[in-house]
Amino acid sequence: MKWMRLSLLAAAALCAPAADLTGAWKAVFLAPPEQRPKTVGSVKLDLKSDGTTLTGMAHAGSWPGDVPIADGKIGGGRISFVLVGTGAWRSHGPQGDASGYPRLTFRGTTDGKEMTLTLVWDSVMIYGSAGRPVEYQMLAKRQ
């Protein structure tokens, strides 16, 4: 009987309607300034939610800049989306030449009023090899 109740609760959570996140949001880094990206002070999001799909635009500082939201999903209090910048970076160093586009992957939770996010900043490579992805914690609030 106990497993049946747990199964029903789990099914209800998965079927719960997604929060309406449509509107303007501002995500700020929770780490001290010296542990944040140099080109991004915050990420402004203009979101449009439709069921379990999330679309819209993001402004992520001077670089990667204005970026459309891709692969956006919401449901059961969870959220995820990806930003891929259009301005490539280039590096010349002892490990060789490399170039790629910034890829910011966001995952987290939402209650409809706030989002607690983990941002993984890595790259979509053109050539060479990228450094390790960097992870940041963020908090977003409706504007």
C-alpha atoms as a PDB file:
ATOM      1  CA  MET A   1       0.000   0.000   0.000  1.00  0.00           C
ATOM      2  CA  LYS A   2       2.833   2.376   0.874  1.00  0.00           C
ATOM      3  CA  TRP A   3       4.536   1.882  -2.504  1.00  0.00           C
ATOM      4  CA  MET A   4       1.217   2.560  -4.227  1.00  0.00           C
ATOM      5  CA  ARG A   5       0.848   5.927  -2.465  1.00  0.00           C
ATOM      6  CA  LEU A   6       4.447   6.830  -3.339  1.00  0.00           C
ATOM      7  CA  SER A   7       3.847   5.872  -6.967  1.00  0.00           C
ATOM      8  CA  LEU A   8       0.726   8.041  -7.109  1.00  0.00           C
ATOM      9  CA  LEU A   9       2.581  10.987  -5.552  1.00  0.00           C
ATOM     10  CA  ALA A  10       5.442  10.619  -8.026  1.00  0.00           C
ATOM     11  CA  ALA A  11       3.014  10.427 -10.956  1.00  0.00           C
ATOM     12  CA  ALA A  12       1.157  13.511  -9.715  1.00  0.00           C
ATOM     13  CA  ALA A  13       4.415  15.463  -9.474  1.00  0.00           C
ATOM     14  CA  LEU A  14       5.360  14.528 -13.035  1.00  0.00           C
ATOM     15  CA  CYS A  15       1.918  15.483 -14.340  1.00  0.00           C
ATOM     16  CA  ALA A  16       1.719  18.740 -12.376  1.00  0.00           C
ATOM     17  CA  PRO A  17       1.246  21.749 -14.624  1.00  0.00           C
ATOM     18  CA  ALA A  18       4.396  23.672 -15.396  1.00  0.00           C
ATOM     19  CA  ALA A  19       4.774  27.072 -13.749  1.00  0.00           C
ATOM     20  CA  ASP A  20       4.076  30.074 -15.967  1.00  0.00           C
ATOM     21  CA  LEU A  21       7.475  31.719 -16.182  1.00  0.00           C
ATOM     22  CA  THR A  22       6.547  34.162 -18.949  1.00  0.00           C
ATOM     23  CA  GLY A  23       8.020  37.604 -18.310  1.00  0.00           C
ATOM     24  CA  ALA A  24      11.223  39.403 -17.403  1.00  0.00           C
ATOM     25  CA  TRP A  25      13.678  37.819 -14.953  1.00  0.00           C
ATOM     26  CA  LYS A  26      17.093  38.793 -13.639  1.00  0.00           C
ATOM     27  CA  ALA A  27      19.569  36.114 -12.543  1.00  0.00           C
ATOM     28  CA  VAL A  28      22.470  37.152 -10.315  1.00  0.00           C
ATOM     29  CA  PHE A  29      25.568  35.235  -9.296  1.00  0.00           C
ATOM     30  CA  LEU A  30      25.755  34.088  -5.692  1.00  0.00           C
ATOM     31  CA  ALA A  31      29.581  33.974  -5.593  1.00  0.00           C
ATOM     32  CA  PRO A  32      31.771  36.996  -4.727  1.00  0.00           C
ATOM     33  CA  PRO A  33      32.713  39.227  -7.714  1.00  0.00           C
ATOM     34  CA  GLU A  34      36.225  37.781  -8.036  1.00  0.00           C
ATOM     35  CA  GLN A  35      34.717  34.303  -8.593  1.00  0.00           C
ATOM     36  CA  ARG A  36      32.301  35.357 -11.359  1.00  0.00           C
ATOM     37  CA  PRO A  37      32.755  35.649 -15.133  1.00  0.00           C
ATOM     38  CA  LYS A  38      34.408  38.943 -16.098  1.00  0.00           C
ATOM     39  CA  THR A  39      32.057  39.716 -18.997  1.00  0.00           C
ATOM     40  CA  VAL A  40      28.736  38.949 -17.260  1.00  0.00           C
ATOM     41  CA  GLY A  41      27.456  40.720 -14.148  1.00  0.00           C
ATOM     42  CA  SER A  42      23.970  39.208 -14.355  1.00  0.00           C
ATOM     43  CA  VAL A  43      21.758  37.474 -16.907  1.00  0.00           C
ATOM     44  CA  LYS A  44      18.508  39.147 -17.924  1.00  0.00           C
ATOM     45  CA  LEU A  45      15.892  36.743 -19.257  1.00  0.00           C
ATOM     46  CA  ASP A  46      12.790  37.509 -21.307  1.00  0.00           C
ATOM     47  CA  LEU A  47      10.958  34.181 -21.032  1.00  0.00           C
ATOM     48  CA  LYS A  48       7.922  32.730 -22.751  1.00  0.00           C
ATOM     49  CA  SER A  49       6.535  29.494 -21.325  1.00  0.00           C
ATOM     50  CA  ASP A  50       4.032  27.295 -23.128  1.00  0.00           C
ATOM     51  CA  GLY A  51       3.224  24.110 -21.238  1.00  0.00           C
ATOM     52  CA  THR A  52       6.550  22.375 -20.699  1.00  0.00           C
ATOM     53  CA  THR A  53       8.403  24.419 -23.349  1.00  0.00           C
ATOM     54  CA  LEU A  54      10.462  27.495 -22.541  1.00  0.00           C
ATOM     55  CA  THR A  55      11.634  30.003 -25.184  1.00  0.00           C
ATOM     56  CA  GLY A  56      12.740  33.614 -25.248  1.00  0.00           C
ATOM     57  CA  MET A  57      15.869  35.750 -25.216  1.00  0.00           C
ATOM     58  CA  ALA A  58      18.678  36.304 -22.759  1.00  0.00           C
ATOM     59  CA  HIS A  59      21.095  39.172 -22.325  1.00  0.00           C
ATOM     60  CA  ALA A  60      24.296  37.809 -20.823  1.00  0.00           C
ATOM     61  CA  GLY A  61      26.550  40.835 -20.346  1.00  0.00           C
ATOM     62  CA  SER A  62      28.872  42.170 -23.025  1.00  0.00           C
ATOM     63  CA  TRP A  63      29.781  38.625 -24.095  1.00  0.00           C
ATOM     64  CA  PRO A  64      28.064  36.344 -25.022  1.00  0.00           C
ATOM     65  CA  GLY A  65      25.516  39.197 -25.234  1.00  0.00           C
ATOM     66  CA  ASP A  66      21.972  38.798 -26.611  1.00  0.00           C
ATOM     67  CA  VAL A  67      21.246  35.119 -27.178  1.00  0.00           C
ATOM     68  CA  PRO A  68      18.077  33.131 -27.955  1.00  0.00           C
ATOM     69  CA  ILE A  69      17.086  30.466 -25.437  1.00  0.00           C
ATOM     70  CA  ALA A  70      17.394  26.925 -26.802  1.00  0.00           C
ATOM     71  CA  ASP A  71      16.231  23.539 -25.537  1.00  0.00           C
ATOM     72  CA  GLY A  72      14.100  25.166 -22.804  1.00  0.00           C
ATOM     73  CA  LYS A  73      12.099  22.823 -20.589  1.00  0.00           C
ATOM     74  CA  ILE A  74       9.970  23.337 -17.479  1.00  0.00           C
ATOM     75  CA  GLY A  75       7.883  20.993 -15.370  1.00  0.00           C
ATOM     76  CA  GLY A  76       7.538  19.567 -11.899  1.00  0.00           C
ATOM     77  CA  GLY A  77       9.340  22.559 -10.406  1.00  0.00           C
ATOM     78  CA  ARG A  78      12.401  21.976 -12.622  1.00  0.00           C
ATOM     79  CA  ILE A  79      13.802  24.234 -15.353  1.00  0.00           C
ATOM     80  CA  SER A  80      16.569  23.892 -17.940  1.00  0.00           C
ATOM     81  CA  PHE A  81      17.713  25.851 -20.986  1.00  0.00           C
ATOM     82  CA  VAL A  82      20.833  26.578 -23.022  1.00  0.00           C
ATOM     83  CA  LEU A  83      22.387  29.746 -24.440  1.00  0.00           C
ATOM     84  CA  VAL A  84      24.981  29.526 -27.226  1.00  0.00           C
ATOM     85  CA  GLY A  85      26.734  32.803 -28.004  1.00  0.00           C
ATOM     86  CA  THR A  86      27.292  33.981 -31.566  1.00  0.00           C
ATOM     87  CA  GLY A  87      30.704  35.592 -30.968  1.00  0.00           C
ATOM     88  CA  ALA A  88      33.513  33.052 -31.085  1.00  0.00           C
ATOM     89  CA  TRP A  89      36.479  33.168 -28.735  1.00  0.00           C
ATOM     90  CA  ARG A  90      40.034  32.410 -29.867  1.00  0.00           C
ATOM     91  CA  SER A  91      43.036  31.287 -27.881  1.00  0.00           C
ATOM     92  CA  HIS A  92      46.711  30.971 -28.800  1.00  0.00           C
ATOM     93  CA  GLY A  93      48.918  29.353 -26.215  1.00  0.00           C
ATOM     94  CA  PRO A  94      51.376  26.614 -25.290  1.00  0.00           C
ATOM     95  CA  GLN A  95      48.661  23.950 -25.673  1.00  0.00           C
ATOM     96  CA  GLY A  96      47.908  25.097 -29.218  1.00  0.00           C
ATOM     97  CA  ASP A  97      45.305  27.182 -30.940  1.00  0.00           C
ATOM     98  CA  ALA A  98      41.619  26.851 -30.108  1.00  0.00           C
ATOM     99  CA  SER A  99      38.344  28.549 -30.925  1.00  0.00           C
ATOM    100  CA  GLY A 100      34.717  28.044 -29.968  1.00  0.00           C
ATOM    101  CA  TYR A 101      31.435  29.620 -28.990  1.00  0.00           C
ATOM    102  CA  PRO A 102      30.371  30.109 -25.370  1.00  0.00           C
ATOM    103  CA  ARG A 103      27.685  27.641 -24.248  1.00  0.00           C
ATOM    104  CA  LEU A 104      25.823  28.419 -21.022  1.00  0.00           C
ATOM    105  CA  THR A 105      23.691  25.545 -19.723  1.00  0.00           C
ATOM    106  CA  PHE A 106      21.199  26.392 -16.972  1.00  0.00           C
ATOM    107  CA  ARG A 107      19.475  23.820 -14.730  1.00  0.00           C
ATOM    108  CA  GLY A 108      17.563  24.347 -11.542  1.00  0.00           C
ATOM    109  CA  THR A 109      14.318  24.643  -9.683  1.00  0.00           C
ATOM    110  CA  THR A 110      11.510  27.172  -9.686  1.00  0.00           C
ATOM    111  CA  ASP A 111       8.487  27.974  -7.588  1.00  0.00           C
ATOM    112  CA  GLY A 112       7.160  30.449 -10.167  1.00  0.00           C
ATOM    113  CA  LYS A 113       8.519  33.463  -8.258  1.00  0.00           C
ATOM    114  CA  GLU A 114      12.209  32.545  -8.021  1.00  0.00           C
ATOM    115  CA  MET A 115      14.612  30.251  -9.804  1.00  0.00           C
ATOM    116  CA  THR A 116      17.625  28.661  -8.143  1.00  0.00           C
ATOM    117  CA  LEU A 117      19.993  27.919 -11.023  1.00  0.00           C
ATOM    118  CA  THR A 118      23.262  26.161 -11.682  1.00  0.00           C
ATOM    119  CA  LEU A 119      25.050  27.607 -14.716  1.00  0.00           C
ATOM    120  CA  VAL A 120      27.660  25.461 -16.461  1.00  0.00           C
ATOM    121  CA  TRP A 121      29.798  27.639 -18.753  1.00  0.00           C
ATOM    122  CA  ASP A 122      31.632  25.688 -21.423  1.00  0.00           C
ATOM    123  CA  SER A 123      32.123  25.866 -25.192  1.00  0.00           C
ATOM    124  CA  VAL A 124      30.923  24.542 -28.510  1.00  0.00           C
ATOM    125  CA  MET A 125      34.302  23.973 -30.137  1.00  0.00           C
ATOM    126  CA  ILE A 126      35.258  25.036 -33.666  1.00  0.00           C
ATOM    127  CA  TYR A 127      38.809  23.642 -33.382  1.00  0.00           C
ATOM    128  CA  GLY A 128      41.324  22.789 -30.677  1.00  0.00           C
ATOM    129  CA  SER A 129      40.356  21.827 -27.146  1.00  0.00           C
ATOM    130  CA  ALA A 130      38.552  23.832 -24.514  1.00  0.00           C
ATOM    131  CA  GLY A 131      39.368  24.231 -20.879  1.00  0.00           C
ATOM    132  CA  ARG A 132      37.217  22.668 -18.216  1.00  0.00           C
ATOM    133  CA  PRO A 133      33.621  23.836 -17.861  1.00  0.00           C
ATOM    134  CA  VAL A 134      33.044  26.226 -14.956  1.00  0.00           C
ATOM    135  CA  GLU A 135      29.990  25.997 -12.698  1.00  0.00           C
ATOM    136  CA  TYR A 136      28.263  28.954 -11.038  1.00  0.00           C
ATOM    137  CA  GLN A 137      25.276  29.225  -8.695  1.00  0.00           C
ATOM    138  CA  MET A 138      22.648  31.867  -9.500  1.00  0.00           C
ATOM    139  CA  LEU A 139      19.337  33.154  -8.178  1.00  0.00           C
ATOM    140  CA  ALA A 140      16.728  34.625 -10.557  1.00  0.00           C
ATOM    141  CA  LYS A 141      13.761  36.793  -9.632  1.00  0.00           C
ATOM    142  CA  ARG A 142      10.901  38.259 -11.636  1.00  0.00           C
ATOM    143  CA  GLN A 143      11.383  41.883 -12.613  1.00  0.00           C
END
